[in-house]
PDB file of N, CA and C in Angstrom:
ATOM      1  N   UNK A   1     -64.410  -6.353 -27.042  1.00  0.00           N
ATOM      2  CA  UNK A   1     -64.342  -5.779 -25.724  1.00  0.00           C
ATOM      3  C   UNK A   1     -63.603  -4.462 -25.823  1.00  0.00           C
ATOM      4  N   UNK A   2     -64.096  -3.501 -25.131  1.00  0.00           N
ATOM      5  CA  UNK A   2     -63.481  -2.193 -25.153  1.00  0.00           C
ATOM      6  C   UNK A   2     -62.182  -2.236 -24.372  1.00  0.00           C
ATOM      7  N   UNK A   3     -61.135  -1.672 -24.943  1.00  0.00           N
ATOM      8  CA  UNK A   3     -59.846  -1.685 -24.275  1.00  0.00           C
ATOM      9  C   UNK A   3     -59.597  -0.347 -23.616  1.00  0.00           C
ATOM     10  N   UNK A   4     -58.522  -0.288 -22.843  1.00  0.00           N
ATOM     11  CA  UNK A   4     -58.173   0.949 -22.160  1.00  0.00           C
ATOM     12  C   UNK A   4     -57.912   0.682 -20.701  1.00  0.00           C
ATOM     13  N   UNK A   5     -57.563   1.713 -19.993  1.00  0.00           N
ATOM     14  CA  UNK A   5     -57.208   1.542 -18.595  1.00  0.00           C
ATOM     15  C   UNK A   5     -58.426   1.465 -17.694  1.00  0.00           C
ATOM     16  N   UNK A   6     -59.603   1.907 -18.149  1.00  0.00           N
ATOM     17  CA  UNK A   6     -60.798   1.891 -17.325  1.00  0.00           C
ATOM     18  C   UNK A   6     -61.536   0.574 -17.532  1.00  0.00           C
ATOM     19  N   UNK A   7     -61.283  -0.417 -16.663  1.00  0.00           N
ATOM     20  CA  UNK A   7     -61.887  -1.742 -16.812  1.00  0.00           C
ATOM     21  C   UNK A   7     -63.346  -1.777 -16.414  1.00  0.00           C
ATOM     22  N   UNK A   8     -63.877  -0.715 -15.813  1.00  0.00           N
ATOM     23  CA  UNK A   8     -65.270  -0.716 -15.396  1.00  0.00           C
ATOM     24  C   UNK A   8     -66.206  -0.424 -16.567  1.00  0.00           C
ATOM     25  N   UNK A   9     -65.688   0.082 -17.677  1.00  0.00           N
ATOM     26  CA  UNK A   9     -66.509   0.386 -18.849  1.00  0.00           C
ATOM     27  C   UNK A   9     -66.414  -0.773 -19.837  1.00  0.00           C
ATOM     28  N   UNK A  10     -67.556  -1.169 -20.343  1.00  0.00           N
ATOM     29  CA  UNK A  10     -67.603  -2.284 -21.288  1.00  0.00           C
ATOM     30  C   UNK A  10     -68.620  -1.962 -22.373  1.00  0.00           C
ATOM     31  N   UNK A  11     -68.261  -2.216 -23.597  1.00  0.00           N
ATOM     32  CA  UNK A  11     -69.180  -2.075 -24.723  1.00  0.00           C
ATOM     33  C   UNK A  11     -69.218  -3.406 -25.462  1.00  0.00           C
ATOM     34  N   UNK A  12     -70.388  -4.013 -25.519  1.00  0.00           N
ATOM     35  CA  UNK A  12     -70.530  -5.310 -26.174  1.00  0.00           C
ATOM     36  C   UNK A  12     -70.285  -5.193 -27.668  1.00  0.00           C
ATOM     37  N   UNK A  13     -69.715  -6.239 -28.242  1.00  0.00           N
ATOM     38  CA  UNK A  13     -69.469  -6.301 -29.684  1.00  0.00           C
ATOM     39  C   UNK A  13     -70.816  -6.377 -30.407  1.00  0.00           C
ATOM     40  N   UNK A  14     -71.051  -5.489 -31.343  1.00  0.00           N
ATOM     41  CA  UNK A  14     -72.317  -5.448 -32.078  1.00  0.00           C
ATOM     42  C   UNK A  14     -72.571  -6.713 -32.892  1.00  0.00           C
ATOM     43  N   UNK A  15     -71.554  -7.482 -33.209  1.00  0.00           N
ATOM     44  CA  UNK A  15     -71.697  -8.687 -34.043  1.00  0.00           C
ATOM     45  C   UNK A  15     -71.828  -9.966 -33.226  1.00  0.00           C
ATOM     46  N   UNK A  16     -72.019  -9.868 -31.928  1.00  0.00           N
ATOM     47  CA  UNK A  16     -71.955 -11.054 -31.065  1.00  0.00           C
ATOM     48  C   UNK A  16     -73.033 -12.097 -31.346  1.00  0.00           C
ATOM     49  N   UNK A  17     -74.141 -11.727 -31.980  1.00  0.00           N
ATOM     50  CA  UNK A  17     -75.208 -12.694 -32.262  1.00  0.00           C
ATOM     51  C   UNK A  17     -75.356 -12.986 -33.752  1.00  0.00           C
ATOM     52  N   UNK A  18     -74.389 -12.602 -34.558  1.00  0.00           N
ATOM     53  CA  UNK A  18     -74.503 -12.762 -36.004  1.00  0.00           C
ATOM     54  C   UNK A  18     -74.307 -14.195 -36.496  1.00  0.00           C
ATOM     55  N   UNK A  19     -73.694 -15.053 -35.717  1.00  0.00           N
ATOM     56  CA  UNK A  19     -73.365 -16.416 -36.154  1.00  0.00           C
ATOM     57  C   UNK A  19     -74.505 -17.376 -35.825  1.00  0.00           C
ATOM     58  N   UNK A  20     -75.259 -17.803 -36.853  1.00  0.00           N
ATOM     59  CA  UNK A  20     -76.374 -18.731 -36.635  1.00  0.00           C
ATOM     60  C   UNK A  20     -75.911 -20.103 -36.161  1.00  0.00           C
ATOM     61  N   UNK A  21     -74.645 -20.450 -36.365  1.00  0.00           N
ATOM     62  CA  UNK A  21     -74.139 -21.751 -35.927  1.00  0.00           C
ATOM     63  C   UNK A  21     -74.008 -21.847 -34.413  1.00  0.00           C
ATOM     64  N   UNK A  22     -74.206 -20.752 -33.698  1.00  0.00           N
ATOM     65  CA  UNK A  22     -74.102 -20.775 -32.238  1.00  0.00           C
ATOM     66  C   UNK A  22     -75.329 -21.393 -31.584  1.00  0.00           C
ATOM     67  N   UNK A  23     -76.399 -21.603 -32.357  1.00  0.00           N
ATOM     68  CA  UNK A  23     -77.656 -22.077 -31.792  1.00  0.00           C
ATOM     69  C   UNK A  23     -78.120 -23.348 -32.482  1.00  0.00           C
ATOM     70  N   UNK A  24     -78.873 -24.154 -31.758  1.00  0.00           N
ATOM     71  CA  UNK A  24     -79.428 -25.410 -32.277  1.00  0.00           C
ATOM     72  C   UNK A  24     -80.915 -25.420 -31.965  1.00  0.00           C
ATOM     73  N   UNK A  25     -81.707 -25.801 -32.947  1.00  0.00           N
ATOM     74  CA  UNK A  25     -83.154 -25.920 -32.700  1.00  0.00           C
ATOM     75  C   UNK A  25     -83.420 -27.043 -31.716  1.00  0.00           C
ATOM     76  N   UNK A  26     -84.406 -26.835 -30.867  1.00  0.00           N
ATOM     77  CA  UNK A  26     -84.773 -27.817 -29.853  1.00  0.00           C
ATOM     78  C   UNK A  26     -86.055 -28.524 -30.293  1.00  0.00           C
ATOM     79  N   UNK A  27     -85.867 -29.643 -30.987  1.00  0.00           N
ATOM     80  CA  UNK A  27     -87.014 -30.411 -31.457  1.00  0.00           C
ATOM     81  C   UNK A  27     -87.958 -29.593 -32.309  1.00  0.00           C
ATOM     82  N   UNK A  28     -89.250 -29.772 -32.076  1.00  0.00           N
ATOM     83  CA  UNK A  28     -90.265 -29.038 -32.832  1.00  0.00           C
ATOM     84  C   UNK A  28     -90.776 -27.813 -32.086  1.00  0.00           C
ATOM     85  N   UNK A  29     -90.163 -27.502 -30.975  1.00  0.00           N
ATOM     86  CA  UNK A  29     -90.656 -26.417 -30.121  1.00  0.00           C
ATOM     87  C   UNK A  29     -90.437 -25.037 -30.727  1.00  0.00           C
ATOM     88  N   UNK A  30     -89.494 -24.925 -31.643  1.00  0.00           N
ATOM     89  CA  UNK A  30     -89.157 -23.622 -32.193  1.00  0.00           C
ATOM     90  C   UNK A  30     -88.092 -22.891 -31.387  1.00  0.00           C
ATOM     91  N   UNK A  31     -87.768 -23.438 -30.216  1.00  0.00           N
ATOM     92  CA  UNK A  31     -86.727 -22.823 -29.398  1.00  0.00           C
ATOM     93  C   UNK A  31     -85.364 -23.019 -30.044  1.00  0.00           C
ATOM     94  N   UNK A  32     -84.539 -22.035 -29.922  1.00  0.00           N
ATOM     95  CA  UNK A  32     -83.143 -22.129 -30.369  1.00  0.00           C
ATOM     96  C   UNK A  32     -82.274 -22.019 -29.124  1.00  0.00           C
ATOM     97  N   UNK A  33     -81.558 -23.077 -28.828  1.00  0.00           N
ATOM     98  CA  UNK A  33     -80.712 -23.121 -27.639  1.00  0.00           C
ATOM     99  C   UNK A  33     -79.252 -22.950 -28.031  1.00  0.00           C
ATOM    100  N   UNK A  34     -78.465 -22.357 -27.151  1.00  0.00           N
ATOM    101  CA  UNK A  34     -77.048 -22.181 -27.472  1.00  0.00           C
ATOM    102  C   UNK A  34     -76.330 -23.528 -27.530  1.00  0.00           C
ATOM    103  N   UNK A  35     -75.434 -23.677 -28.489  1.00  0.00           N
ATOM    104  CA  UNK A  35     -74.636 -24.904 -28.610  1.00  0.00           C
ATOM    105  C   UNK A  35     -73.525 -24.956 -27.570  1.00  0.00           C
ATOM    106  N   UNK A  36     -73.085 -23.796 -27.145  1.00  0.00           N
ATOM    107  CA  UNK A  36     -71.968 -23.707 -26.206  1.00  0.00           C
ATOM    108  C   UNK A  36     -72.382 -22.998 -24.935  1.00  0.00           C
ATOM    109  N   UNK A  37     -71.749 -23.378 -23.844  1.00  0.00           N
ATOM    110  CA  UNK A  37     -71.955 -22.706 -22.564  1.00  0.00           C
ATOM    111  C   UNK A  37     -70.593 -22.507 -21.914  1.00  0.00           C
ATOM    112  N   UNK A  38     -70.531 -21.548 -21.040  1.00  0.00           N
ATOM    113  CA  UNK A  38     -69.310 -21.334 -20.263  1.00  0.00           C
ATOM    114  C   UNK A  38     -69.633 -21.638 -18.820  1.00  0.00           C
ATOM    115  N   UNK A  39     -68.974 -22.662 -18.266  1.00  0.00           N
ATOM    116  CA  UNK A  39     -69.154 -23.011 -16.867  1.00  0.00           C
ATOM    117  C   UNK A  39     -68.314 -22.090 -15.989  1.00  0.00           C
ATOM    118  N   UNK A  40     -68.978 -21.353 -15.123  1.00  0.00           N
ATOM    119  CA  UNK A  40     -68.272 -20.343 -14.344  1.00  0.00           C
ATOM    120  C   UNK A  40     -67.818 -20.830 -12.976  1.00  0.00           C
ATOM    121  N   UNK A  41     -68.597 -21.692 -12.331  1.00  0.00           N
ATOM    122  CA  UNK A  41     -68.241 -22.039 -10.959  1.00  0.00           C
ATOM    123  C   UNK A  41     -66.887 -22.728 -10.888  1.00  0.00           C
ATOM    124  N   UNK A  42     -66.671 -23.711 -11.728  1.00  0.00           N
ATOM    125  CA  UNK A  42     -65.400 -24.436 -11.680  1.00  0.00           C
ATOM    126  C   UNK A  42     -64.223 -23.531 -12.063  1.00  0.00           C
ATOM    127  N   UNK A  43     -64.476 -22.597 -12.961  1.00  0.00           N
ATOM    128  CA  UNK A  43     -63.432 -21.673 -13.377  1.00  0.00           C
ATOM    129  C   UNK A  43     -63.147 -20.598 -12.337  1.00  0.00           C
ATOM    130  N   UNK A  44     -64.197 -20.109 -11.664  1.00  0.00           N
ATOM    131  CA  UNK A  44     -64.036 -18.950 -10.794  1.00  0.00           C
ATOM    132  C   UNK A  44     -64.540 -19.178  -9.370  1.00  0.00           C
ATOM    133  N   UNK A  45     -65.138 -20.319  -9.086  1.00  0.00           N
ATOM    134  CA  UNK A  45     -65.774 -20.546  -7.797  1.00  0.00           C
ATOM    135  C   UNK A  45     -64.828 -20.412  -6.615  1.00  0.00           C
ATOM    136  N   UNK A  46     -65.313 -19.716  -5.600  1.00  0.00           N
ATOM    137  CA  UNK A  46     -64.551 -19.580  -4.369  1.00  0.00           C
ATOM    138  C   UNK A  46     -63.402 -18.595  -4.435  1.00  0.00           C
ATOM    139  N   UNK A  47     -63.284 -17.866  -5.514  1.00  0.00           N
ATOM    140  CA  UNK A  47     -62.191 -16.916  -5.651  1.00  0.00           C
ATOM    141  C   UNK A  47     -62.755 -15.543  -5.949  1.00  0.00           C
ATOM    142  N   UNK A  48     -62.007 -14.548  -5.592  1.00  0.00           N
ATOM    143  CA  UNK A  48     -62.385 -13.191  -5.966  1.00  0.00           C
ATOM    144  C   UNK A  48     -62.203 -13.037  -7.466  1.00  0.00           C
ATOM    145  N   UNK A  49     -63.101 -12.290  -8.118  1.00  0.00           N
ATOM    146  CA  UNK A  49     -62.940 -12.082  -9.563  1.00  0.00           C
ATOM    147  C   UNK A  49     -61.611 -11.388  -9.877  1.00  0.00           C
ATOM    148  N   UNK A  50     -60.951 -11.889 -10.881  1.00  0.00           N
ATOM    149  CA  UNK A  50     -59.691 -11.293 -11.292  1.00  0.00           C
ATOM    150  C   UNK A  50     -59.884 -10.609 -12.637  1.00  0.00           C
ATOM    151  N   UNK A  51     -58.914  -9.818 -13.027  1.00  0.00           N
ATOM    152  CA  UNK A  51     -58.977  -9.183 -14.341  1.00  0.00           C
ATOM    153  C   UNK A  51     -59.033 -10.225 -15.448  1.00  0.00           C
ATOM    154  N   UNK A  52     -58.304 -11.327 -15.282  1.00  0.00           N
ATOM    155  CA  UNK A  52     -58.297 -12.384 -16.295  1.00  0.00           C
ATOM    156  C   UNK A  52     -59.675 -13.051 -16.386  1.00  0.00           C
ATOM    157  N   UNK A  53     -60.313 -13.309 -15.250  1.00  0.00           N
ATOM    158  CA  UNK A  53     -61.646 -13.911 -15.244  1.00  0.00           C
ATOM    159  C   UNK A  53     -62.649 -12.976 -15.912  1.00  0.00           C
ATOM    160  N   UNK A  54     -62.560 -11.711 -15.624  1.00  0.00           N
ATOM    161  CA  UNK A  54     -63.464 -10.726 -16.235  1.00  0.00           C
ATOM    162  C   UNK A  54     -63.252 -10.677 -17.745  1.00  0.00           C
ATOM    163  N   UNK A  55     -62.014 -10.669 -18.179  1.00  0.00           N
ATOM    164  CA  UNK A  55     -61.726 -10.669 -19.618  1.00  0.00           C
ATOM    165  C   UNK A  55     -62.276 -11.922 -20.288  1.00  0.00           C
ATOM    166  N   UNK A  56     -62.115 -13.064 -19.631  1.00  0.00           N
ATOM    167  CA  UNK A  56     -62.605 -14.325 -20.186  1.00  0.00           C
ATOM    168  C   UNK A  56     -64.132 -14.285 -20.342  1.00  0.00           C
ATOM    169  N   UNK A  57     -64.817 -13.805 -19.353  1.00  0.00           N
ATOM    170  CA  UNK A  57     -66.269 -13.726 -19.377  1.00  0.00           C
ATOM    171  C   UNK A  57     -66.749 -12.762 -20.468  1.00  0.00           C
ATOM    172  N   UNK A  58     -66.163 -11.586 -20.543  1.00  0.00           N
ATOM    173  CA  UNK A  58     -66.582 -10.606 -21.545  1.00  0.00           C
ATOM    174  C   UNK A  58     -66.218 -11.038 -22.960  1.00  0.00           C
ATOM    175  N   UNK A  59     -65.088 -11.711 -23.131  1.00  0.00           N
ATOM    176  CA  UNK A  59     -64.728 -12.231 -24.452  1.00  0.00           C
ATOM    177  C   UNK A  59     -65.699 -13.321 -24.896  1.00  0.00           C
ATOM    178  N   UNK A  60     -66.127 -14.168 -23.956  1.00  0.00           N
ATOM    179  CA  UNK A  60     -67.116 -15.201 -24.282  1.00  0.00           C
ATOM    180  C   UNK A  60     -68.426 -14.544 -24.712  1.00  0.00           C
ATOM    181  N   UNK A  61     -68.845 -13.520 -23.996  1.00  0.00           N
ATOM    182  CA  UNK A  61     -70.068 -12.800 -24.356  1.00  0.00           C
ATOM    183  C   UNK A  61     -69.935 -12.177 -25.746  1.00  0.00           C
ATOM    184  N   UNK A  62     -68.798 -11.563 -26.023  1.00  0.00           N
ATOM    185  CA  UNK A  62     -68.572 -10.969 -27.343  1.00  0.00           C
ATOM    186  C   UNK A  62     -68.565 -12.021 -28.448  1.00  0.00           C
ATOM    187  N   UNK A  63     -68.174 -13.238 -28.120  1.00  0.00           N
ATOM    188  CA  UNK A  63     -68.140 -14.318 -29.109  1.00  0.00           C
ATOM    189  C   UNK A  63     -69.523 -14.932 -29.328  1.00  0.00           C
ATOM    190  N   UNK A  64     -70.529 -14.464 -28.586  1.00  0.00           N
ATOM    191  CA  UNK A  64     -71.892 -14.940 -28.781  1.00  0.00           C
ATOM    192  C   UNK A  64     -72.371 -15.926 -27.737  1.00  0.00           C
ATOM    193  N   UNK A  65     -71.550 -16.265 -26.763  1.00  0.00           N
ATOM    194  CA  UNK A  65     -71.974 -17.178 -25.705  1.00  0.00           C
ATOM    195  C   UNK A  65     -73.092 -16.504 -24.910  1.00  0.00           C
ATOM    196  N   UNK A  66     -74.207 -17.209 -24.753  1.00  0.00           N
ATOM    197  CA  UNK A  66     -75.342 -16.653 -24.024  1.00  0.00           C
ATOM    198  C   UNK A  66     -75.748 -17.522 -22.838  1.00  0.00           C
ATOM    199  N   UNK A  67     -75.129 -18.679 -22.677  1.00  0.00           N
ATOM    200  CA  UNK A  67     -75.439 -19.575 -21.561  1.00  0.00           C
ATOM    201  C   UNK A  67     -74.229 -19.611 -20.637  1.00  0.00           C
ATOM    202  N   UNK A  68     -74.404 -19.070 -19.445  1.00  0.00           N
ATOM    203  CA  UNK A  68     -73.355 -19.060 -18.433  1.00  0.00           C
ATOM    204  C   UNK A  68     -73.846 -19.895 -17.266  1.00  0.00           C
ATOM    205  N   UNK A  69     -73.211 -21.047 -17.041  1.00  0.00           N
ATOM    206  CA  UNK A  69     -73.632 -21.999 -16.016  1.00  0.00           C
ATOM    207  C   UNK A  69     -72.966 -21.624 -14.696  1.00  0.00           C
ATOM    208  N   UNK A  70     -73.787 -21.258 -13.714  1.00  0.00           N
ATOM    209  CA  UNK A  70     -73.281 -20.818 -12.414  1.00  0.00           C
ATOM    210  C   UNK A  70     -73.412 -21.876 -11.318  1.00  0.00           C
ATOM    211  N   UNK A  71     -73.956 -23.049 -11.644  1.00  0.00           N
ATOM    212  CA  UNK A  71     -74.215 -24.063 -10.619  1.00  0.00           C
ATOM    213  C   UNK A  71     -72.923 -24.594 -10.012  1.00  0.00           C
ATOM    214  N   UNK A  72     -72.934 -24.773  -8.689  1.00  0.00           N
ATOM    215  CA  UNK A  72     -71.769 -25.371  -8.032  1.00  0.00           C
ATOM    216  C   UNK A  72     -71.960 -26.873  -7.820  1.00  0.00           C
ATOM    217  N   UNK A  73     -73.159 -27.366  -8.043  1.00  0.00           N
ATOM    218  CA  UNK A  73     -73.409 -28.803  -8.008  1.00  0.00           C
ATOM    219  C   UNK A  73     -74.763 -29.088  -8.650  1.00  0.00           C
ATOM    220  N   UNK A  74     -75.014 -30.345  -8.910  1.00  0.00           N
ATOM    221  CA  UNK A  74     -76.275 -30.747  -9.520  1.00  0.00           C
ATOM    222  C   UNK A  74     -76.865 -31.856  -8.671  1.00  0.00           C
ATOM    223  N   UNK A  75     -78.154 -31.783  -8.414  1.00  0.00           N
ATOM    224  CA  UNK A  75     -78.785 -32.730  -7.519  1.00  0.00           C
ATOM    225  C   UNK A  75     -79.530 -33.761  -8.230  1.00  0.00           C
TER     226      UNK A  75
END
């Protein structure tokens, strides 16, 4: 994550997708699904975004997380 006083600028880490262990094959379909997800609603739901929440989200993205779960409930 790019550091500095201007929090509106972000540059993604070029190595964020280099780790093949972040994905798992889905049966015989050929799909590769992420092994990890970051649940956002429980972490941030109902609150204004904070600098800490933004840092957490961008750090997860830089670490290769590609599944961000935004659901507030499941039916």
